[in-house]
Every structure is written in structure tokens, then in C-alpha cells.
Amino acid sequence: MLWPYILVSLTFTNFITTELILKACCGNENKCQEYQRPEEMFGVACCGPDPINQFTEICCANVTRHRQQGGGFVDKCCGNQTLNFDQTCCRNIVHNVPNGECCGAQAYPRNSINVLCCNGTLNTNVEPGSSCCGNTPYDGGYRETCCGGQVYQKELFDGCCRVQGSNPVEYRQFNSRTHLCCDVPIERNSNTKCCYLNMGNGTFVPKSYDYTTSCCAYPYKQIVPKVGDRCVNRPVQPTRQPDLEELT
């Protein structure tokens, strides 16, 4: 709250003061408020460029509002609007919901039993016991699963696998009867297996590989190639793709 500066104007007639004018200004002398007596200035403050009386007015985001409204007295703001005791403020928006809860910019009664707020999205007519999956409610794992903020039927996808090295973080759903989680979901009955590479400091990172052509072997620092039935202790080099010029 800023305080105004005061201008005093005296009018003299035959060396006798006949008029005293007090002005409260808030940076713009063209919008000063005049007062006849000093006691009238009690409670004066600035609201943006305008002087206001804090006893009868309230400053809401540099907008002057009256405190006395509809038989009630207002002492709170919601954005540039006043807020009554029977209202709720959510992200500077006034809602006619007494003592409510906020979900993003929306408001809802505290005692609601069929409402669920998920990441700022208000969901209504929600089944009791539901949980949030991203912005969407789901049954918490009974018949549904949550993976990467998406809801899936559990009979189809009962697992969730974090994709190693993805940025931003990515998750993929999988069925644990047919797949395993490695750096990505991999098929159980396939040539692809999972190796946990030792990154040091007790950290192991999953890495999928083809066990018919590669090995996951001590000291587990990297995937190494397989020659016949033997593992070669050197890293797998990516296959070089020929340049177009070499093909012409």
C-alpha cells in the first residue's frame, strides 16, 4: 500500500486565512482528492493513481472498490474484485461457493463426494475411491491401470515401463504375461533379453540386446558382441551405413 503526498493550499483575505484546502495526490496532480479538514484524511492511501479512504474503500489490484456491499463488509480481494465471506477465490476468479476448494480456476464444495481434482482438471460424477491418472480419474488399479498419464484396461495392460533415457520422461504400457520391462518393453519369448549395465556408484541401467548376436557379460559395463558361442570383450560397434556416393 502506497501513501499519498499532501498539498496544502491557503487563501488569504486582508492577511486573514479564509480557506484551507488539503489535497492528497498519488503521482497525478490532476486526480488529487480535496479535503476541508485534516481529520477527513484519516485512512487515506493510494490505489494506483487514486487516493482512497481505507475505512470505506478497498484497493483490489489498483482498482478502487467499496467495502460496504449488500449489507456486508468486505475486507478481501480476488484479483481486481471484492470477495465476500460466502464466496471462494480461485486464480483471481470469484465463485459463489461458500468455503470451497479450488481446482485450477474452478471451485467446488469441500464436502463433495463425487468430485475429483486431477492436475487442475475438475472431474464430476466420479466413482467413490477413484484416483488420478494425469488429468483423468481411474479406479486405482482394480480393473484399470495408469501409465504415463493414460488409463488402460488392466486385462490388456497391467504393467508400466519407463523408457530409459527419454527426455521428457516417457512411459509405455505392457502386458506382463507377454512382455518384460527393460529400457523398453520387450517380448518374453523372443531373442531380445535385458542386461543391467554397471554405471558405477552402485547404479545399474537396463539395456535390451539380441542374445543371438551379443552378450551381457562381466564386468557388465557394456553389451559385447558374440562370435559363435563366445563373447568378445569389446563393445558392439554400430553398423556403418554406406554413403550414397559409395553406391554410385
C-alpha atoms as a PDB file:
ATOM      1  CA  MET A   1       0.000   0.000   0.000  1.00  0.00           C
ATOM      2  CA  LEU A   2       1.393   3.397  -1.056  1.00  0.00           C
ATOM      3  CA  TRP A   3       0.770   6.624   0.780  1.00  0.00           C
ATOM      4  CA  PRO A   4      -0.188   9.896  -0.967  1.00  0.00           C
ATOM      5  CA  TYR A   5       1.700  13.133  -0.726  1.00  0.00           C
ATOM      6  CA  ILE A   6      -0.151  16.119   0.712  1.00  0.00           C
ATOM      7  CA  LEU A   7      -0.615  19.542  -0.869  1.00  0.00           C
ATOM      8  CA  VAL A   8      -1.738  22.436   1.316  1.00  0.00           C
ATOM      9  CA  SER A   9      -3.407  25.487  -0.222  1.00  0.00           C
ATOM     10  CA  LEU A  10      -4.191  28.609   1.841  1.00  0.00           C
ATOM     11  CA  THR A  11      -6.341  31.535   0.703  1.00  0.00           C
ATOM     12  CA  PHE A  12      -5.778  34.902   2.407  1.00  0.00           C
ATOM     13  CA  THR A  13      -8.071  37.948   2.518  1.00  0.00           C
ATOM     14  CA  ASN A  14      -6.606  41.056   4.182  1.00  0.00           C
ATOM     15  CA  PHE A  15      -3.883  38.834   5.638  1.00  0.00           C
ATOM     16  CA  ILE A  16      -6.522  36.599   7.250  1.00  0.00           C
ATOM     17  CA  THR A  17      -6.785  32.946   6.270  1.00  0.00           C
ATOM     18  CA  THR A  18     -10.250  32.391   4.829  1.00  0.00           C
ATOM     19  CA  GLU A  19      -9.913  28.950   3.250  1.00  0.00           C
ATOM     20  CA  LEU A  20      -7.781  25.865   3.833  1.00  0.00           C
ATOM     21  CA  ILE A  21      -7.660  23.203   1.147  1.00  0.00           C
ATOM     22  CA  LEU A  22      -5.835  19.921   1.641  1.00  0.00           C
ATOM     23  CA  LYS A  23      -5.091  17.646  -1.288  1.00  0.00           C
ATOM     24  CA  ALA A  24      -3.984  14.008  -1.306  1.00  0.00           C
ATOM     25  CA  CYS A  25      -2.232  13.019  -4.535  1.00  0.00           C
ATOM     26  CA  CYS A  26      -0.905   9.688  -5.785  1.00  0.00           C
ATOM     27  CA  GLY A  27       1.510  10.721  -8.519  1.00  0.00           C
ATOM     28  CA  ASN A  28      -1.011  12.559 -10.680  1.00  0.00           C
ATOM     29  CA  GLU A  29      -1.960  16.063  -9.549  1.00  0.00           C
ATOM     30  CA  ASN A  30      -4.930  16.027 -11.921  1.00  0.00           C
ATOM     31  CA  LYS A  31      -6.553  13.251  -9.829  1.00  0.00           C
ATOM     32  CA  CYS A  32      -5.991  14.636  -6.335  1.00  0.00           C
ATOM     33  CA  GLN A  33      -8.670  14.368  -3.662  1.00  0.00           C
ATOM     34  CA  GLU A  34      -9.555  17.567  -1.795  1.00  0.00           C
ATOM     35  CA  TYR A  35     -10.334  17.779   1.926  1.00  0.00           C
ATOM     36  CA  GLN A  36     -11.540  20.672   4.074  1.00  0.00           C
ATOM     37  CA  ARG A  37     -10.339  19.372   7.437  1.00  0.00           C
ATOM     38  CA  PRO A  38      -7.266  17.338   8.428  1.00  0.00           C
ATOM     39  CA  GLU A  39      -9.391  14.718  10.223  1.00  0.00           C
ATOM     40  CA  GLU A  40     -11.046  13.882   6.909  1.00  0.00           C
ATOM     41  CA  MET A  41      -7.709  12.468   5.753  1.00  0.00           C
ATOM     42  CA  PHE A  42      -7.559   9.691   8.328  1.00  0.00           C
ATOM     43  CA  GLY A  43      -7.187   6.371   6.493  1.00  0.00           C
ATOM     44  CA  VAL A  44      -6.207   7.920   3.172  1.00  0.00           C
ATOM     45  CA  ALA A  45      -3.940   5.745   0.984  1.00  0.00           C
ATOM     46  CA  CYS A  46      -3.139   5.245  -2.691  1.00  0.00           C
ATOM     47  CA  CYS A  47      -4.785   2.733  -5.000  1.00  0.00           C
ATOM     48  CA  GLY A  48      -2.881   3.017  -8.231  1.00  0.00           C
ATOM     49  CA  PRO A  49      -3.174   6.687  -9.258  1.00  0.00           C
ATOM     50  CA  ASP A  50      -6.177   7.380  -6.998  1.00  0.00           C
ATOM     51  CA  PRO A  51      -6.391   8.353  -3.314  1.00  0.00           C
ATOM     52  CA  ILE A  52      -8.842   6.212  -1.346  1.00  0.00           C
ATOM     53  CA  ASN A  53     -10.185   6.017   2.198  1.00  0.00           C
ATOM     54  CA  GLN A  54      -9.231   2.616   3.605  1.00  0.00           C
ATOM     55  CA  PHE A  55     -12.141   2.671   6.069  1.00  0.00           C
ATOM     56  CA  THR A  56     -14.785   2.763   3.341  1.00  0.00           C
ATOM     57  CA  GLU A  57     -12.872   1.524   0.303  1.00  0.00           C
ATOM     58  CA  ILE A  58     -10.522  -1.322  -0.570  1.00  0.00           C
ATOM     59  CA  CYS A  59      -7.843  -1.463  -3.261  1.00  0.00           C
ATOM     60  CA  CYS A  60      -8.013  -4.592  -5.430  1.00  0.00           C
ATOM     61  CA  ALA A  61      -5.202  -4.796  -7.989  1.00  0.00           C
ATOM     62  CA  ASN A  62      -5.144  -0.979  -8.277  1.00  0.00           C
ATOM     63  CA  VAL A  63      -8.938  -0.834  -8.709  1.00  0.00           C
ATOM     64  CA  THR A  64     -10.970   1.010  -6.057  1.00  0.00           C
ATOM     65  CA  ARG A  65     -13.920  -0.949  -4.619  1.00  0.00           C
ATOM     66  CA  HIS A  66     -16.455  -0.102  -1.894  1.00  0.00           C
ATOM     67  CA  ARG A  67     -16.223  -2.141   1.298  1.00  0.00           C
ATOM     68  CA  GLN A  68     -19.946  -1.910   2.083  1.00  0.00           C
ATOM     69  CA  GLN A  69     -21.782  -4.241  -0.288  1.00  0.00           C
ATOM     70  CA  GLY A  70     -25.242  -5.738   0.055  1.00  0.00           C
ATOM     71  CA  GLY A  71     -25.411  -5.257   3.796  1.00  0.00           C
ATOM     72  CA  GLY A  72     -21.988  -6.853   4.310  1.00  0.00           C
ATOM     73  CA  PHE A  73     -18.486  -5.548   4.899  1.00  0.00           C
ATOM     74  CA  VAL A  74     -15.727  -6.626   2.534  1.00  0.00           C
ATOM     75  CA  ASP A  75     -12.093  -6.913   3.628  1.00  0.00           C
ATOM     76  CA  LYS A  76     -10.644  -9.252   0.959  1.00  0.00           C
ATOM     77  CA  CYS A  77      -9.861  -9.091  -2.740  1.00  0.00           C
ATOM     78  CA  CYS A  78      -9.892 -11.665  -5.520  1.00  0.00           C
ATOM     79  CA  GLY A  79      -7.968 -10.206  -8.413  1.00  0.00           C
ATOM     80  CA  ASN A  80      -9.496  -6.782  -9.008  1.00  0.00           C
ATOM     81  CA  GLN A  81     -12.846  -7.828  -7.483  1.00  0.00           C
ATOM     82  CA  THR A  82     -14.014  -7.921  -3.879  1.00  0.00           C
ATOM     83  CA  LEU A  83     -14.539 -11.252  -2.118  1.00  0.00           C
ATOM     84  CA  ASN A  84     -17.416 -11.881   0.295  1.00  0.00           C
ATOM     85  CA  PHE A  85     -17.348 -14.430   3.123  1.00  0.00           C
ATOM     86  CA  ASP A  86     -19.702 -16.739   1.201  1.00  0.00           C
ATOM     87  CA  GLN A  87     -17.534 -16.815  -1.923  1.00  0.00           C
ATOM     88  CA  THR A  88     -14.348 -18.617  -2.996  1.00  0.00           C
ATOM     89  CA  CYS A  89     -11.442 -17.144  -4.948  1.00  0.00           C
ATOM     90  CA  CYS A  90      -9.612 -19.387  -7.425  1.00  0.00           C
ATOM     91  CA  ARG A  91      -6.871 -17.870  -9.554  1.00  0.00           C
ATOM     92  CA  ASN A  92      -8.358 -14.384  -9.231  1.00  0.00           C
ATOM     93  CA  ILE A  93     -11.840 -15.563 -10.263  1.00  0.00           C
ATOM     94  CA  VAL A  94     -14.765 -15.144  -7.839  1.00  0.00           C
ATOM     95  CA  HIS A  95     -17.094 -18.140  -7.403  1.00  0.00           C
ATOM     96  CA  ASN A  96     -20.344 -18.158  -5.438  1.00  0.00           C
ATOM     97  CA  VAL A  97     -19.266 -21.247  -3.489  1.00  0.00           C
ATOM     98  CA  PRO A  98     -19.027 -20.807   0.306  1.00  0.00           C
ATOM     99  CA  ASN A  99     -15.737 -22.031   1.818  1.00  0.00           C
ATOM    100  CA  GLY A 100     -14.962 -24.027  -1.318  1.00  0.00           C
ATOM    101  CA  GLU A 101     -11.901 -25.812  -2.648  1.00  0.00           C
ATOM    102  CA  CYS A 102     -10.045 -24.763  -5.790  1.00  0.00           C
ATOM    103  CA  CYS A 103      -9.200 -26.975  -8.746  1.00  0.00           C
ATOM    104  CA  GLY A 104      -7.302 -24.768 -11.136  1.00  0.00           C
ATOM    105  CA  ALA A 105      -9.564 -21.781 -11.750  1.00  0.00           C
ATOM    106  CA  GLN A 106     -12.711 -23.717 -10.758  1.00  0.00           C
ATOM    107  CA  ALA A 107     -14.285 -24.012  -7.308  1.00  0.00           C
ATOM    108  CA  TYR A 108     -16.276 -26.836  -5.723  1.00  0.00           C
ATOM    109  CA  PRO A 109     -17.780 -27.546  -2.273  1.00  0.00           C
ATOM    110  CA  ARG A 110     -15.415 -29.077   0.281  1.00  0.00           C
ATOM    111  CA  ASN A 111     -17.818 -31.884   1.172  1.00  0.00           C
ATOM    112  CA  SER A 112     -18.281 -33.122  -2.412  1.00  0.00           C
ATOM    113  CA  ILE A 113     -18.022 -36.912  -2.596  1.00  0.00           C
ATOM    114  CA  ASN A 114     -18.299 -37.407  -6.355  1.00  0.00           C
ATOM    115  CA  VAL A 115     -15.743 -34.783  -7.410  1.00  0.00           C
ATOM    116  CA  LEU A 116     -12.022 -35.333  -8.019  1.00  0.00           C
ATOM    117  CA  CYS A 117      -9.429 -32.700  -8.903  1.00  0.00           C
ATOM    118  CA  CYS A 118      -6.656 -34.102 -11.101  1.00  0.00           C
ATOM    119  CA  ASN A 119      -3.816 -31.767 -12.079  1.00  0.00           C
ATOM    120  CA  GLY A 120      -6.094 -28.744 -12.162  1.00  0.00           C
ATOM    121  CA  THR A 121      -8.907 -30.511 -14.042  1.00  0.00           C
ATOM    122  CA  LEU A 122     -12.195 -30.857 -12.155  1.00  0.00           C
ATOM    123  CA  ASN A 123     -13.885 -34.215 -12.772  1.00  0.00           C
ATOM    124  CA  THR A 124     -17.504 -34.691 -11.679  1.00  0.00           C
ATOM    125  CA  ASN A 125     -19.680 -37.794 -11.222  1.00  0.00           C
ATOM    126  CA  VAL A 126     -16.605 -39.769 -10.182  1.00  0.00           C
ATOM    127  CA  GLU A 127     -16.933 -43.206  -8.586  1.00  0.00           C
ATOM    128  CA  PRO A 128     -16.006 -43.338  -4.863  1.00  0.00           C
ATOM    129  CA  GLY A 129     -12.426 -44.471  -4.254  1.00  0.00           C
ATOM    130  CA  SER A 130     -11.130 -43.193  -7.580  1.00  0.00           C
ATOM    131  CA  SER A 131      -7.572 -41.901  -8.003  1.00  0.00           C
ATOM    132  CA  CYS A 132      -5.946 -39.570 -10.507  1.00  0.00           C
ATOM    133  CA  CYS A 133      -4.089 -40.654 -13.630  1.00  0.00           C
ATOM    134  CA  GLY A 134      -2.829 -37.441 -15.180  1.00  0.00           C
ATOM    135  CA  ASN A 135      -5.977 -35.355 -15.623  1.00  0.00           C
ATOM    136  CA  THR A 136      -8.297 -38.380 -15.612  1.00  0.00           C
ATOM    137  CA  PRO A 137      -9.831 -40.415 -12.756  1.00  0.00           C
ATOM    138  CA  TYR A 138      -9.423 -44.201 -12.668  1.00  0.00           C
ATOM    139  CA  ASP A 139     -10.299 -46.983 -10.238  1.00  0.00           C
ATOM    140  CA  GLY A 140      -6.861 -47.026  -8.574  1.00  0.00           C
ATOM    141  CA  GLY A 141      -5.669 -50.318 -10.061  1.00  0.00           C
ATOM    142  CA  TYR A 142      -8.649 -52.617  -9.579  1.00  0.00           C
ATOM    143  CA  ARG A 143      -9.664 -53.044 -13.205  1.00  0.00           C
ATOM    144  CA  GLU A 144      -7.668 -50.206 -14.697  1.00  0.00           C
ATOM    145  CA  THR A 145      -4.000 -49.225 -14.780  1.00  0.00           C
ATOM    146  CA  CYS A 146      -2.347 -45.844 -15.138  1.00  0.00           C
ATOM    147  CA  CYS A 147       0.723 -45.409 -17.328  1.00  0.00           C
ATOM    148  CA  GLY A 148       2.166 -42.107 -18.484  1.00  0.00           C
ATOM    149  CA  GLY A 149      -0.990 -40.251 -17.544  1.00  0.00           C
ATOM    150  CA  GLN A 150      -3.207 -42.561 -19.621  1.00  0.00           C
ATOM    151  CA  VAL A 151      -5.782 -45.070 -18.364  1.00  0.00           C
ATOM    152  CA  TYR A 152      -5.761 -48.648 -19.717  1.00  0.00           C
ATOM    153  CA  GLN A 153      -7.825 -51.755 -19.085  1.00  0.00           C
ATOM    154  CA  LYS A 154      -5.830 -53.960 -16.718  1.00  0.00           C
ATOM    155  CA  GLU A 155      -6.704 -57.170 -18.555  1.00  0.00           C
ATOM    156  CA  LEU A 156      -4.872 -55.780 -21.595  1.00  0.00           C
ATOM    157  CA  PHE A 157      -2.039 -53.812 -19.982  1.00  0.00           C
ATOM    158  CA  ASP A 158      -1.139 -54.435 -16.361  1.00  0.00           C
ATOM    159  CA  GLY A 159       2.406 -53.001 -16.404  1.00  0.00           C
ATOM    160  CA  CYS A 160       4.043 -49.631 -16.990  1.00  0.00           C
ATOM    161  CA  CYS A 161       7.642 -49.311 -18.221  1.00  0.00           C
ATOM    162  CA  ARG A 162       9.754 -46.174 -18.079  1.00  0.00           C
ATOM    163  CA  VAL A 163      11.660 -45.676 -21.333  1.00  0.00           C
ATOM    164  CA  GLN A 164      15.316 -45.404 -20.359  1.00  0.00           C
ATOM    165  CA  GLY A 165      16.997 -42.167 -21.452  1.00  0.00           C
ATOM    166  CA  SER A 166      13.814 -40.482 -22.660  1.00  0.00           C
ATOM    167  CA  ASN A 167      13.591 -36.715 -22.214  1.00  0.00           C
ATOM    168  CA  PRO A 168      10.981 -35.712 -21.341  1.00  0.00           C
ATOM    169  CA  VAL A 169      10.291 -38.888 -19.396  1.00  0.00           C
ATOM    170  CA  GLU A 170       8.199 -41.364 -21.388  1.00  0.00           C
ATOM    171  CA  TYR A 171       6.287 -44.426 -20.184  1.00  0.00           C
ATOM    172  CA  ARG A 172       4.936 -47.360 -22.180  1.00  0.00           C
ATOM    173  CA  GLN A 173       2.237 -49.795 -21.130  1.00  0.00           C
ATOM    174  CA  PHE A 174       2.764 -53.557 -21.459  1.00  0.00           C
ATOM    175  CA  ASN A 175       1.180 -56.895 -20.629  1.00  0.00           C
ATOM    176  CA  SER A 176       3.311 -58.754 -18.075  1.00  0.00           C
ATOM    177  CA  ARG A 177       2.173 -62.126 -19.458  1.00  0.00           C
ATOM    178  CA  THR A 178       3.868 -61.444 -22.786  1.00  0.00           C
ATOM    179  CA  HIS A 179       6.419 -58.716 -22.088  1.00  0.00           C
ATOM    180  CA  LEU A 180       9.080 -57.583 -19.606  1.00  0.00           C
ATOM    181  CA  CYS A 181      10.209 -54.079 -18.745  1.00  0.00           C
ATOM    182  CA  CYS A 182      13.804 -53.308 -19.698  1.00  0.00           C
ATOM    183  CA  ASP A 183      14.849 -49.985 -21.229  1.00  0.00           C
ATOM    184  CA  VAL A 184      11.626 -50.509 -23.200  1.00  0.00           C
ATOM    185  CA  PRO A 185       9.041 -53.310 -23.003  1.00  0.00           C
ATOM    186  CA  ILE A 186      10.494 -56.468 -24.608  1.00  0.00           C
ATOM    187  CA  GLU A 187       8.802 -59.726 -25.585  1.00  0.00           C
ATOM    188  CA  ARG A 188       9.348 -62.645 -23.221  1.00  0.00           C
ATOM    189  CA  ASN A 189       9.599 -65.284 -25.954  1.00  0.00           C
ATOM    190  CA  SER A 190      11.988 -63.508 -28.303  1.00  0.00           C
ATOM    191  CA  ASN A 191      15.692 -63.084 -28.993  1.00  0.00           C
ATOM    192  CA  THR A 192      15.685 -59.831 -27.027  1.00  0.00           C
ATOM    193  CA  LYS A 193      16.902 -60.025 -23.433  1.00  0.00           C
ATOM    194  CA  CYS A 194      17.638 -57.466 -20.730  1.00  0.00           C
ATOM    195  CA  CYS A 195      21.079 -56.644 -19.322  1.00  0.00           C
ATOM    196  CA  TYR A 196      21.682 -54.354 -16.354  1.00  0.00           C
ATOM    197  CA  LEU A 197      24.819 -52.360 -17.115  1.00  0.00           C
ATOM    198  CA  ASN A 198      27.011 -51.259 -14.217  1.00  0.00           C
ATOM    199  CA  MET A 199      27.369 -47.475 -14.434  1.00  0.00           C
ATOM    200  CA  GLY A 200      29.375 -47.223 -11.196  1.00  0.00           C
ATOM    201  CA  ASN A 201      28.457 -45.869  -7.765  1.00  0.00           C
ATOM    202  CA  GLY A 202      26.005 -48.733  -7.345  1.00  0.00           C
ATOM    203  CA  THR A 203      23.941 -47.625 -10.351  1.00  0.00           C
ATOM    204  CA  PHE A 204      22.648 -50.168 -12.864  1.00  0.00           C
ATOM    205  CA  VAL A 205      20.836 -49.216 -16.071  1.00  0.00           C
ATOM    206  CA  PRO A 206      18.673 -51.677 -18.057  1.00  0.00           C
ATOM    207  CA  LYS A 207      19.625 -52.250 -21.686  1.00  0.00           C
ATOM    208  CA  SER A 208      17.934 -54.596 -24.150  1.00  0.00           C
ATOM    209  CA  TYR A 209      20.035 -56.686 -26.549  1.00  0.00           C
ATOM    210  CA  ASP A 210      19.790 -59.585 -29.000  1.00  0.00           C
ATOM    211  CA  TYR A 211      21.304 -62.582 -27.227  1.00  0.00           C
ATOM    212  CA  THR A 212      21.965 -64.403 -30.507  1.00  0.00           C
ATOM    213  CA  THR A 213      24.475 -61.760 -31.609  1.00  0.00           C
ATOM    214  CA  SER A 214      25.505 -60.051 -28.360  1.00  0.00           C
ATOM    215  CA  CYS A 215      26.448 -60.845 -24.766  1.00  0.00           C
ATOM    216  CA  CYS A 216      25.693 -59.457 -21.344  1.00  0.00           C
ATOM    217  CA  ALA A 217      28.922 -60.450 -19.578  1.00  0.00           C
ATOM    218  CA  TYR A 218      31.176 -59.461 -16.687  1.00  0.00           C
ATOM    219  CA  PRO A 219      32.067 -56.702 -15.802  1.00  0.00           C
ATOM    220  CA  TYR A 220      28.717 -55.633 -17.279  1.00  0.00           C
ATOM    221  CA  LYS A 221      29.973 -52.251 -18.446  1.00  0.00           C
ATOM    222  CA  GLN A 222      28.599 -52.603 -21.952  1.00  0.00           C
ATOM    223  CA  ILE A 223      26.974 -55.036 -24.364  1.00  0.00           C
ATOM    224  CA  VAL A 224      29.683 -57.017 -26.185  1.00  0.00           C
ATOM    225  CA  PRO A 225      29.454 -58.978 -29.455  1.00  0.00           C
ATOM    226  CA  LYS A 226      29.139 -62.739 -29.698  1.00  0.00           C
ATOM    227  CA  VAL A 227      31.260 -64.728 -32.142  1.00  0.00           C
ATOM    228  CA  GLY A 228      29.981 -68.260 -32.378  1.00  0.00           C
ATOM    229  CA  ASP A 229      29.345 -69.244 -28.780  1.00  0.00           C
ATOM    230  CA  ARG A 230      31.997 -66.912 -27.371  1.00  0.00           C
ATOM    231  CA  CYS A 231      31.654 -63.347 -26.101  1.00  0.00           C
ATOM    232  CA  VAL A 232      34.250 -60.876 -27.365  1.00  0.00           C
ATOM    233  CA  ASN A 233      35.365 -58.437 -24.690  1.00  0.00           C
ATOM    234  CA  ARG A 234      34.949 -55.280 -26.723  1.00  0.00           C
ATOM    235  CA  PRO A 235      31.926 -53.035 -27.300  1.00  0.00           C
ATOM    236  CA  VAL A 236      29.450 -53.537 -30.059  1.00  0.00           C
ATOM    237  CA  GLN A 237      30.141 -51.043 -32.831  1.00  0.00           C
ATOM    238  CA  PRO A 238      27.147 -49.729 -34.752  1.00  0.00           C
ATOM    239  CA  THR A 239      26.904 -50.891 -38.333  1.00  0.00           C
ATOM    240  CA  ARG A 240      28.119 -48.152 -40.648  1.00  0.00           C
ATOM    241  CA  GLN A 241      25.652 -47.166 -43.320  1.00  0.00           C
ATOM    242  CA  PRO A 242      27.230 -46.592 -46.763  1.00  0.00           C
ATOM    243  CA  ASP A 243      27.127 -43.118 -48.229  1.00  0.00           C
ATOM    244  CA  LEU A 244      25.071 -42.542 -51.336  1.00  0.00           C
ATOM    245  CA  GLU A 245      28.266 -41.581 -53.213  1.00  0.00           C
ATOM    246  CA  GLU A 246      29.750 -45.008 -52.497  1.00  0.00           C
ATOM    247  CA  LEU A 247      26.762 -46.682 -54.115  1.00  0.00           C
ATOM    248  CA  THR A 248      27.069 -44.751 -57.380  1.00  0.00           C
END
